[in-house]
All heavy atoms as atom14 arrays in JSON, in Angstrom:
{
  "sequence": "YYSDGLIYDDGALRVHARHNTHLGHPAPGEPWRAFSFRIEAEGKAV",
  "atom14_mask": [
    [1, 1, 1, 1, 1, 1, 1, 1, 1, 1, 1, 1, 0, 0],
    [1, 1, 1, 1, 1, 1, 1, 1, 1, 1, 1, 1, 0, 0],
    [1, 1, 1, 1, 1, 1, 0, 0, 0, 0, 0, 0, 0, 0],
    [1, 1, 1, 1, 1, 1, 1, 1, 0, 0, 0, 0, 0, 0],
    [1, 1, 1, 1, 0, 0, 0, 0, 0, 0, 0, 0, 0, 0],
    [1, 1, 1, 1, 1, 1, 1, 1, 0, 0, 0, 0, 0, 0],
    [1, 1, 1, 1, 1, 1, 1, 1, 0, 0, 0, 0, 0, 0],
    [1, 1, 1, 1, 1, 1, 1, 1, 1, 1, 1, 1, 0, 0],
    [1, 1, 1, 1, 1, 1, 1, 1, 0, 0, 0, 0, 0, 0],
    [1, 1, 1, 1, 1, 1, 1, 1, 0, 0, 0, 0, 0, 0],
    [1, 1, 1, 1, 0, 0, 0, 0, 0, 0, 0, 0, 0, 0],
    [1, 1, 1, 1, 1, 0, 0, 0, 0, 0, 0, 0, 0, 0],
    [1, 1, 1, 1, 1, 1, 1, 1, 0, 0, 0, 0, 0, 0],
    [1, 1, 1, 1, 1, 1, 1, 1, 1, 1, 1, 0, 0, 0],
    [1, 1, 1, 1, 1, 1, 1, 0, 0, 0, 0, 0, 0, 0],
    [1, 1, 1, 1, 1, 1, 1, 1, 1, 1, 0, 0, 0, 0],
    [1, 1, 1, 1, 1, 0, 0, 0, 0, 0, 0, 0, 0, 0],
    [1, 1, 1, 1, 1, 1, 1, 1, 1, 1, 1, 0, 0, 0],
    [1, 1, 1, 1, 1, 1, 1, 1, 1, 1, 0, 0, 0, 0],
    [1, 1, 1, 1, 1, 1, 1, 1, 0, 0, 0, 0, 0, 0],
    [1, 1, 1, 1, 1, 1, 1, 0, 0, 0, 0, 0, 0, 0],
    [1, 1, 1, 1, 1, 1, 1, 1, 1, 1, 0, 0, 0, 0],
    [1, 1, 1, 1, 1, 1, 1, 1, 0, 0, 0, 0, 0, 0],
    [1, 1, 1, 1, 0, 0, 0, 0, 0, 0, 0, 0, 0, 0],
    [1, 1, 1, 1, 1, 1, 1, 1, 1, 1, 0, 0, 0, 0],
    [1, 1, 1, 1, 1, 1, 1, 0, 0, 0, 0, 0, 0, 0],
    [1, 1, 1, 1, 1, 0, 0, 0, 0, 0, 0, 0, 0, 0],
    [1, 1, 1, 1, 1, 1, 1, 0, 0, 0, 0, 0, 0, 0],
    [1, 1, 1, 1, 0, 0, 0, 0, 0, 0, 0, 0, 0, 0],
    [1, 1, 1, 1, 1, 1, 1, 1, 1, 0, 0, 0, 0, 0],
    [1, 1, 1, 1, 1, 1, 1, 0, 0, 0, 0, 0, 0, 0],
    [1, 1, 1, 1, 1, 1, 1, 1, 1, 1, 1, 1, 1, 1],
    [1, 1, 1, 1, 1, 1, 1, 1, 1, 1, 1, 0, 0, 0],
    [1, 1, 1, 1, 1, 0, 0, 0, 0, 0, 0, 0, 0, 0],
    [1, 1, 1, 1, 1, 1, 1, 1, 1, 1, 1, 0, 0, 0],
    [1, 1, 1, 1, 1, 1, 0, 0, 0, 0, 0, 0, 0, 0],
    [1, 1, 1, 1, 1, 1, 1, 1, 1, 1, 1, 0, 0, 0],
    [1, 1, 1, 1, 1, 1, 1, 1, 1, 1, 1, 0, 0, 0],
    [1, 1, 1, 1, 1, 1, 1, 1, 0, 0, 0, 0, 0, 0],
    [1, 1, 1, 1, 1, 1, 1, 1, 1, 0, 0, 0, 0, 0],
    [1, 1, 1, 1, 1, 0, 0, 0, 0, 0, 0, 0, 0, 0],
    [1, 1, 1, 1, 1, 1, 1, 1, 1, 0, 0, 0, 0, 0],
    [1, 1, 1, 1, 0, 0, 0, 0, 0, 0, 0, 0, 0, 0],
    [1, 1, 1, 1, 1, 1, 1, 1, 1, 0, 0, 0, 0, 0],
    [1, 1, 1, 1, 1, 0, 0, 0, 0, 0, 0, 0, 0, 0],
    [1, 1, 1, 1, 1, 1, 1, 0, 0, 0, 0, 0, 0, 0]
  ],
  "atom14_positions": [
    [[0.85, -1.18, 0.0], [0.0, 0.0, 0.0], [0.89, 1.24, 0.0], [1.88, 1.31, 0.72], [-0.94, -0.04, 1.21], [-1.81, -1.27, 1.16], [-1.49, -2.41, 1.89], [-2.93, -1.31, 0.33], [-2.26, -3.55, 1.8], [-3.72, -2.46, 0.24], [-3.37, -3.58, 0.98], [-4.12, -4.72, 0.87], [0.0, 0.0, 0.0], [0.0, 0.0, 0.0]],
    [[0.55, 2.21, -0.84], [1.45, 3.32, -1.08], [0.77, 4.66, -0.86], [-0.45, 4.76, -0.75], [2.02, 3.24, -2.51], [1.0, 3.46, -3.62], [0.77, 4.72, -4.13], [0.28, 2.39, -4.17], [-0.15, 4.93, -5.16], [-0.64, 2.59, -5.19], [-0.84, 3.87, -5.68], [-1.75, 4.07, -6.68], [0.0, 0.0, 0.0], [0.0, 0.0, 0.0]],
    [[1.61, 5.7, -0.81], [1.14, 7.08, -0.74], [2.07, 7.93, -1.6], [2.76, 7.39, -2.48], [1.1, 7.57, 0.71], [2.38, 7.44, 1.31], [0.0, 0.0, 0.0], [0.0, 0.0, 0.0], [0.0, 0.0, 0.0], [0.0, 0.0, 0.0], [0.0, 0.0, 0.0], [0.0, 0.0, 0.0], [0.0, 0.0, 0.0], [0.0, 0.0, 0.0]],
    [[2.12, 9.23, -1.39], [2.91, 10.11, -2.24], [4.41, 9.81, -2.14], [4.92, 9.42, -1.09], [2.69, 11.57, -1.81], [1.34, 12.1, -2.26], [0.87, 11.73, -3.34], [0.76, 12.9, -1.51], [0.0, 0.0, 0.0], [0.0, 0.0, 0.0], [0.0, 0.0, 0.0], [0.0, 0.0, 0.0], [0.0, 0.0, 0.0], [0.0, 0.0, 0.0]],
    [[5.1, 10.03, -3.27], [6.55, 9.93, -3.28], [7.04, 8.78, -4.14], [6.3, 8.19, -4.93], [0.0, 0.0, 0.0], [0.0, 0.0, 0.0], [0.0, 0.0, 0.0], [0.0, 0.0, 0.0], [0.0, 0.0, 0.0], [0.0, 0.0, 0.0], [0.0, 0.0, 0.0], [0.0, 0.0, 0.0], [0.0, 0.0, 0.0], [0.0, 0.0, 0.0]],
    [[8.32, 8.47, -4.0], [8.92, 7.36, -4.71], [8.42, 6.06, -4.09], [8.68, 5.78, -2.92], [10.44, 7.44, -4.63], [11.22, 6.31, -5.31], [11.03, 6.33, -6.82], [12.71, 6.41, -4.97], [0.0, 0.0, 0.0], [0.0, 0.0, 0.0], [0.0, 0.0, 0.0], [0.0, 0.0, 0.0], [0.0, 0.0, 0.0], [0.0, 0.0, 0.0]],
    [[7.68, 5.27, -4.88], [7.11, 4.04, -4.32], [7.8, 2.78, -4.84], [7.57, 1.69, -4.3], [5.59, 3.95, -4.6], [5.29, 3.88, -6.1], [4.87, 5.11, -3.96], [3.82, 3.6, -6.42], [0.0, 0.0, 0.0], [0.0, 0.0, 0.0], [0.0, 0.0, 0.0], [0.0, 0.0, 0.0], [0.0, 0.0, 0.0], [0.0, 0.0, 0.0]],
    [[8.66, 2.94, -5.88], [9.29, 1.75, -6.44], [10.58, 2.14, -7.16], [10.6, 3.12, -7.91], [8.36, 1.05, -7.42], [8.87, -0.28, -7.94], [8.74, -1.43, -7.19], [9.49, -0.36, -9.19], [9.21, -2.65, -7.67], [9.95, -1.58, -9.67], [9.81, -2.72, -8.9], [10.28, -3.91, -9.37], [0.0, 0.0, 0.0], [0.0, 0.0, 0.0]],
    [[11.64, 1.35, -6.93], [12.9, 1.55, -7.64], [13.68, 0.24, -7.56], [14.19, -0.12, -6.51], [13.71, 2.69, -7.03], [14.98, 3.0, -7.81], [15.29, 2.27, -8.77], [15.66, 3.98, -7.45], [0.0, 0.0, 0.0], [0.0, 0.0, 0.0], [0.0, 0.0, 0.0], [0.0, 0.0, 0.0], [0.0, 0.0, 0.0], [0.0, 0.0, 0.0]],
    [[13.72, -0.49, -8.69], [14.47, -1.75, -8.71], [15.76, -1.63, -9.5], [16.39, -2.65, -9.82], [13.6, -2.88, -9.27], [13.25, -2.7, -10.74], [13.59, -1.63, -11.3], [12.63, -3.61, -11.33], [0.0, 0.0, 0.0], [0.0, 0.0, 0.0], [0.0, 0.0, 0.0], [0.0, 0.0, 0.0], [0.0, 0.0, 0.0], [0.0, 0.0, 0.0]],
    [[16.16, -0.42, -9.82], [17.36, -0.2, -10.61], [17.09, -0.12, -12.1], [17.91, 0.45, -12.84], [0.0, 0.0, 0.0], [0.0, 0.0, 0.0], [0.0, 0.0, 0.0], [0.0, 0.0, 0.0], [0.0, 0.0, 0.0], [0.0, 0.0, 0.0], [0.0, 0.0, 0.0], [0.0, 0.0, 0.0], [0.0, 0.0, 0.0], [0.0, 0.0, 0.0]],
    [[15.99, -0.7, -12.55], [15.62, -0.64, -13.96], [14.49, 0.36, -14.19], [14.43, 1.02, -15.23], [15.2, -2.01, -14.47], [0.0, 0.0, 0.0], [0.0, 0.0, 0.0], [0.0, 0.0, 0.0], [0.0, 0.0, 0.0], [0.0, 0.0, 0.0], [0.0, 0.0, 0.0], [0.0, 0.0, 0.0], [0.0, 0.0, 0.0], [0.0, 0.0, 0.0]],
    [[13.6, 0.49, -13.22], [12.42, 1.35, -13.37], [12.08, 1.97, -12.02], [12.17, 1.32, -10.98], [11.25, 0.53, -13.91], [9.94, 1.27, -14.16], [9.36, 0.88, -15.51], [8.94, 0.96, -13.05], [0.0, 0.0, 0.0], [0.0, 0.0, 0.0], [0.0, 0.0, 0.0], [0.0, 0.0, 0.0], [0.0, 0.0, 0.0], [0.0, 0.0, 0.0]],
    [[11.72, 3.25, -12.07], [11.32, 4.0, -10.88], [9.89, 4.51, -11.07], [9.53, 4.94, -12.18], [12.24, 5.2, -10.64], [13.64, 4.85, -10.27], [14.61, 5.98, -10.52], [14.21, 7.24, -9.87], [14.63, 7.64, -8.67], [15.46, 6.86, -7.98], [14.24, 8.79, -8.18], [0.0, 0.0, 0.0], [0.0, 0.0, 0.0], [0.0, 0.0, 0.0]],
    [[9.11, 4.49, -10.01], [7.74, 5.01, -10.06], [7.53, 5.98, -8.91], [7.74, 5.63, -7.74], [6.7, 3.88, -9.99], [5.28, 4.46, -10.0], [6.88, 2.89, -11.14], [0.0, 0.0, 0.0], [0.0, 0.0, 0.0], [0.0, 0.0, 0.0], [0.0, 0.0, 0.0], [0.0, 0.0, 0.0], [0.0, 0.0, 0.0], [0.0, 0.0, 0.0]],
    [[7.14, 7.2, -9.26], [6.74, 8.21, -8.28], [5.22, 8.32, -8.33], [4.62, 8.36, -9.41], [7.35, 9.57, -8.61], [8.84, 9.6, -8.56], [9.55, 10.08, -7.48], [9.77, 9.2, -9.47], [10.84, 9.98, -7.72], [11.0, 9.46, -8.92], [0.0, 0.0, 0.0], [0.0, 0.0, 0.0], [0.0, 0.0, 0.0], [0.0, 0.0, 0.0]],
    [[4.58, 8.39, -7.17], [3.13, 8.55, -7.09], [2.78, 9.93, -6.57], [3.48, 10.49, -5.71], [2.54, 7.49, -6.16], [0.0, 0.0, 0.0], [0.0, 0.0, 0.0], [0.0, 0.0, 0.0], [0.0, 0.0, 0.0], [0.0, 0.0, 0.0], [0.0, 0.0, 0.0], [0.0, 0.0, 0.0], [0.0, 0.0, 0.0], [0.0, 0.0, 0.0]],
    [[1.69, 10.48, -7.09], [1.19, 11.79, -6.65], [-0.32, 11.71, -6.55], [-1.01, 11.36, -7.52], [1.6, 12.87, -7.65], [0.99, 14.24, -7.41], [1.6, 14.95, -6.24], [0.99, 16.27, -6.03], [1.36, 17.12, -5.08], [2.35, 16.8, -4.27], [0.75, 18.28, -4.95], [0.0, 0.0, 0.0], [0.0, 0.0, 0.0], [0.0, 0.0, 0.0]],
    [[-0.86, 12.03, -5.38], [-2.31, 11.92, -5.19], [-3.05, 12.93, -6.06], [-2.5, 13.96, -6.46], [-2.68, 12.11, -3.73], [-2.52, 13.53, -3.23], [-1.39, 13.97, -2.59], [-3.35, 14.61, -3.31], [-1.52, 15.25, -2.28], [-2.7, 15.66, -2.7], [0.0, 0.0, 0.0], [0.0, 0.0, 0.0], [0.0, 0.0, 0.0], [0.0, 0.0, 0.0]],
    [[-4.31, 12.63, -6.36], [-5.19, 13.56, -7.06], [-6.59, 13.5, -6.47], [-6.85, 12.67, -5.58], [-5.2, 13.29, -8.57], [-5.72, 11.92, -8.92], [-6.85, 11.57, -8.58], [-4.9, 11.12, -9.6], [0.0, 0.0, 0.0], [0.0, 0.0, 0.0], [0.0, 0.0, 0.0], [0.0, 0.0, 0.0], [0.0, 0.0, 0.0], [0.0, 0.0, 0.0]],
    [[-7.48, 14.34, -6.95], [-8.8, 14.49, -6.33], [-9.91, 13.77, -7.09], [-11.08, 14.12, -6.93], [-9.16, 15.99, -6.19], [-9.17, 16.59, -7.49], [-8.15, 16.7, -5.3], [0.0, 0.0, 0.0], [0.0, 0.0, 0.0], [0.0, 0.0, 0.0], [0.0, 0.0, 0.0], [0.0, 0.0, 0.0], [0.0, 0.0, 0.0], [0.0, 0.0, 0.0]],
    [[-9.55, 12.79, -7.91], [-10.58, 12.05, -8.64], [-11.64, 11.47, -7.7], [-12.83, 11.46, -8.03], [-9.94, 10.94, -9.46], [-10.92, 10.02, -10.11], [-11.87, 10.46, -11.0], [-11.12, 8.67, -10.0], [-12.6, 9.44, -11.41], [-12.17, 8.35, -10.81], [0.0, 0.0, 0.0], [0.0, 0.0, 0.0], [0.0, 0.0, 0.0], [0.0, 0.0, 0.0]],
    [[-11.23, 11.01, -6.55], [-12.17, 10.44, -5.56], [-12.45, 11.43, -4.43], [-12.93, 11.03, -3.37], [-11.61, 9.13, -5.0], [-11.44, 8.02, -6.03], [-10.87, 6.75, -5.37], [-12.77, 7.69, -6.71], [0.0, 0.0, 0.0], [0.0, 0.0, 0.0], [0.0, 0.0, 0.0], [0.0, 0.0, 0.0], [0.0, 0.0, 0.0], [0.0, 0.0, 0.0]],
    [[-12.19, 12.69, -4.69], [-12.43, 13.72, -3.68], [-11.33, 13.78, -2.64], [-10.31, 13.09, -2.73], [0.0, 0.0, 0.0], [0.0, 0.0, 0.0], [0.0, 0.0, 0.0], [0.0, 0.0, 0.0], [0.0, 0.0, 0.0], [0.0, 0.0, 0.0], [0.0, 0.0, 0.0], [0.0, 0.0, 0.0], [0.0, 0.0, 0.0], [0.0, 0.0, 0.0]],
    [[-11.56, 14.61, -1.63], [-10.59, 14.74, -0.54], [-10.94, 13.73, 0.56], [-12.11, 13.62, 0.94], [-10.62, 16.16, 0.02], [-10.09, 17.18, -0.92], [-8.77, 17.6, -0.91], [-10.68, 17.87, -1.94], [-8.58, 18.5, -1.86], [-9.73, 18.69, -2.5], [0.0, 0.0, 0.0], [0.0, 0.0, 0.0], [0.0, 0.0, 0.0], [0.0, 0.0, 0.0]],
    [[-9.96, 13.01, 1.06], [-10.26, 12.05, 2.12], [-10.64, 12.74, 3.42], [-10.28, 13.9, 3.66], [-8.94, 11.28, 2.26], [-7.88, 12.23, 1.81], [-8.53, 13.03, 0.71], [0.0, 0.0, 0.0], [0.0, 0.0, 0.0], [0.0, 0.0, 0.0], [0.0, 0.0, 0.0], [0.0, 0.0, 0.0], [0.0, 0.0, 0.0], [0.0, 0.0, 0.0]],
    [[-11.35, 12.03, 4.26], [-11.66, 12.53, 5.58], [-10.38, 12.67, 6.4], [-9.38, 11.99, 6.1], [-12.65, 11.59, 6.27], [0.0, 0.0, 0.0], [0.0, 0.0, 0.0], [0.0, 0.0, 0.0], [0.0, 0.0, 0.0], [0.0, 0.0, 0.0], [0.0, 0.0, 0.0], [0.0, 0.0, 0.0], [0.0, 0.0, 0.0], [0.0, 0.0, 0.0]],
    [[-10.36, 13.52, 7.4], [-9.16, 13.67, 8.23], [-8.65, 12.32, 8.75], [-9.44, 11.53, 9.28], [-9.63, 14.58, 9.37], [-10.75, 15.36, 8.77], [-11.45, 14.42, 7.83], [0.0, 0.0, 0.0], [0.0, 0.0, 0.0], [0.0, 0.0, 0.0], [0.0, 0.0, 0.0], [0.0, 0.0, 0.0], [0.0, 0.0, 0.0], [0.0, 0.0, 0.0]],
    [[-7.37, 12.09, 8.54], [-6.77, 10.84, 8.99], [-6.87, 9.69, 8.02], [-6.24, 8.65, 8.22], [0.0, 0.0, 0.0], [0.0, 0.0, 0.0], [0.0, 0.0, 0.0], [0.0, 0.0, 0.0], [0.0, 0.0, 0.0], [0.0, 0.0, 0.0], [0.0, 0.0, 0.0], [0.0, 0.0, 0.0], [0.0, 0.0, 0.0], [0.0, 0.0, 0.0]],
    [[-7.67, 9.86, 6.96], [-7.81, 8.8, 5.96], [-6.81, 9.02, 4.82], [-6.44, 10.16, 4.52], [-9.23, 8.79, 5.4], [-10.28, 8.36, 6.4], [-10.11, 6.92, 6.82], [-9.87, 6.07, 5.93], [-10.21, 6.64, 8.02], [0.0, 0.0, 0.0], [0.0, 0.0, 0.0], [0.0, 0.0, 0.0], [0.0, 0.0, 0.0], [0.0, 0.0, 0.0]],
    [[-6.37, 7.96, 4.15], [-5.39, 8.12, 3.07], [-6.05, 8.54, 1.76], [-7.25, 8.37, 1.56], [-4.81, 6.71, 2.93], [-5.94, 5.81, 3.33], [-6.66, 6.54, 4.44], [0.0, 0.0, 0.0], [0.0, 0.0, 0.0], [0.0, 0.0, 0.0], [0.0, 0.0, 0.0], [0.0, 0.0, 0.0], [0.0, 0.0, 0.0], [0.0, 0.0, 0.0]],
    [[-5.24, 9.12, 0.87], [-5.68, 9.36, -0.5], [-5.88, 8.02, -1.2], [-5.15, 7.05, -0.95], [-4.65, 10.19, -1.25], [-4.53, 11.59, -0.77], [-3.65, 12.06, 0.17], [-5.32, 12.71, -1.18], [-3.85, 13.4, 0.37], [-4.86, 13.83, -0.45], [-6.35, 12.87, -2.1], [-5.41, 15.1, -0.61], [-6.89, 14.14, -2.26], [-6.43, 15.23, -1.53]],
    [[-6.86, 7.96, -2.1], [-7.19, 6.69, -2.78], [-6.92, 6.73, -4.27], [-6.96, 5.68, -4.92], [-8.66, 6.35, -2.54], [-9.02, 6.06, -1.1], [-8.31, 4.85, -0.55], [-8.82, 4.45, 0.76], [-8.28, 3.52, 1.53], [-7.18, 2.91, 1.11], [-8.79, 3.22, 2.69], [0.0, 0.0, 0.0], [0.0, 0.0, 0.0], [0.0, 0.0, 0.0]],
    [[-6.66, 7.91, -4.85], [-6.45, 8.02, -6.29], [-5.12, 8.71, -6.55], [-4.81, 9.73, -5.91], [-7.58, 8.79, -6.96], [0.0, 0.0, 0.0], [0.0, 0.0, 0.0], [0.0, 0.0, 0.0], [0.0, 0.0, 0.0], [0.0, 0.0, 0.0], [0.0, 0.0, 0.0], [0.0, 0.0, 0.0], [0.0, 0.0, 0.0], [0.0, 0.0, 0.0]],
    [[-4.34, 8.17, -7.5], [-2.98, 8.66, -7.74], [-2.68, 8.71, -9.24], [-3.27, 8.0, -10.05], [-1.95, 7.75, -7.07], [-1.91, 7.91, -5.57], [-2.84, 7.26, -4.78], [-0.96, 8.7, -4.97], [-2.82, 7.41, -3.39], [-0.93, 8.85, -3.59], [-1.86, 8.2, -2.8], [0.0, 0.0, 0.0], [0.0, 0.0, 0.0], [0.0, 0.0, 0.0]],
    [[-1.73, 9.58, -9.57], [-1.1, 9.61, -10.88], [0.35, 9.15, -10.69], [0.89, 9.2, -9.58], [-1.13, 11.02, -11.46], [-2.46, 11.53, -11.49], [0.0, 0.0, 0.0], [0.0, 0.0, 0.0], [0.0, 0.0, 0.0], [0.0, 0.0, 0.0], [0.0, 0.0, 0.0], [0.0, 0.0, 0.0], [0.0, 0.0, 0.0], [0.0, 0.0, 0.0]],
    [[1.0, 8.73, -11.78], [2.34, 8.17, -11.7], [3.3, 8.88, -12.66], [2.91, 9.25, -13.78], [2.34, 6.68, -12.05], [1.52, 5.81, -11.16], [0.6, 4.92, -11.71], [1.64, 5.86, -9.79], [-0.15, 4.09, -10.9], [0.89, 5.04, -8.96], [-0.01, 4.15, -9.52], [0.0, 0.0, 0.0], [0.0, 0.0, 0.0], [0.0, 0.0, 0.0]],
    [[4.54, 9.0, -12.25], [5.65, 9.32, -13.14], [6.56, 8.1, -13.16], [7.03, 7.65, -12.1], [6.42, 10.56, -12.68], [7.59, 10.92, -13.62], [8.38, 12.13, -13.11], [9.57, 12.37, -13.91], [9.68, 13.31, -14.84], [8.66, 14.1, -15.11], [10.82, 13.49, -15.5], [0.0, 0.0, 0.0], [0.0, 0.0, 0.0], [0.0, 0.0, 0.0]],
    [[6.79, 7.56, -14.35], [7.51, 6.31, -14.54], [8.81, 6.62, -15.29], [8.77, 7.22, -16.37], [6.66, 5.32, -15.36], [5.27, 5.14, -14.71], [7.37, 3.99, -15.52], [4.17, 4.84, -15.7], [0.0, 0.0, 0.0], [0.0, 0.0, 0.0], [0.0, 0.0, 0.0], [0.0, 0.0, 0.0], [0.0, 0.0, 0.0], [0.0, 0.0, 0.0]],
    [[9.94, 6.21, -14.74], [11.24, 6.54, -15.33], [12.04, 5.27, -15.58], [12.15, 4.41, -14.7], [12.02, 7.47, -14.41], [11.31, 8.79, -14.14], [11.98, 9.61, -13.05], [12.81, 9.05, -12.31], [11.68, 10.81, -12.95], [0.0, 0.0, 0.0], [0.0, 0.0, 0.0], [0.0, 0.0, 0.0], [0.0, 0.0, 0.0], [0.0, 0.0, 0.0]],
    [[12.59, 5.16, -16.8], [13.45, 4.03, -17.17], [14.25, 4.4, -18.4], [13.75, 5.14, -19.27], [12.63, 2.77, -17.43], [0.0, 0.0, 0.0], [0.0, 0.0, 0.0], [0.0, 0.0, 0.0], [0.0, 0.0, 0.0], [0.0, 0.0, 0.0], [0.0, 0.0, 0.0], [0.0, 0.0, 0.0], [0.0, 0.0, 0.0], [0.0, 0.0, 0.0]],
    [[15.45, 3.89, -18.51], [16.3, 4.1, -19.68], [16.46, 5.58, -20.02], [16.55, 5.97, -21.19], [15.74, 3.34, -20.89], [15.63, 1.83, -20.69], [15.1, 1.12, -21.91], [15.45, 1.52, -23.04], [14.34, 0.15, -21.74], [0.0, 0.0, 0.0], [0.0, 0.0, 0.0], [0.0, 0.0, 0.0], [0.0, 0.0, 0.0], [0.0, 0.0, 0.0]],
    [[16.5, 6.43, -19.0], [16.66, 7.85, -19.23], [15.43, 8.56, -19.77], [15.52, 9.72, -20.17], [0.0, 0.0, 0.0], [0.0, 0.0, 0.0], [0.0, 0.0, 0.0], [0.0, 0.0, 0.0], [0.0, 0.0, 0.0], [0.0, 0.0, 0.0], [0.0, 0.0, 0.0], [0.0, 0.0, 0.0], [0.0, 0.0, 0.0], [0.0, 0.0, 0.0]],
    [[14.29, 7.88, -19.79], [13.04, 8.44, -20.29], [12.02, 8.51, -19.17], [12.16, 7.84, -18.14], [12.49, 7.62, -21.45], [13.45, 7.48, -22.64], [13.67, 8.8, -23.34], [14.54, 8.63, -24.58], [14.74, 9.92, -25.3], [0.0, 0.0, 0.0], [0.0, 0.0, 0.0], [0.0, 0.0, 0.0], [0.0, 0.0, 0.0], [0.0, 0.0, 0.0]],
    [[10.97, 9.3, -19.38], [9.92, 9.45, -18.37], [8.55, 9.44, -19.02], [8.32, 10.12, -20.02], [10.11, 10.74, -17.58], [0.0, 0.0, 0.0], [0.0, 0.0, 0.0], [0.0, 0.0, 0.0], [0.0, 0.0, 0.0], [0.0, 0.0, 0.0], [0.0, 0.0, 0.0], [0.0, 0.0, 0.0], [0.0, 0.0, 0.0], [0.0, 0.0, 0.0]],
    [[7.64, 8.67, -18.44], [6.24, 8.62, -18.85], [5.4, 9.06, -17.66], [5.6, 8.58, -16.54], [5.83, 7.2, -19.28], [4.33, 7.13, -19.57], [6.63, 6.74, -20.49], [0.0, 0.0, 0.0], [0.0, 0.0, 0.0], [0.0, 0.0, 0.0], [0.0, 0.0, 0.0], [0.0, 0.0, 0.0], [0.0, 0.0, 0.0], [0.0, 0.0, 0.0]]
  ]
}
């Protein structure tokens, strides 16, 4: 289970997650449920 920031790096591919408001704002103390990703590998980014 993940939240904002670098969530994966195995040396070949890195994934950064950033929350968004597709599912609205969570209640106080609850986690974000919807995220966007930045994916990096081979010197490229998606």
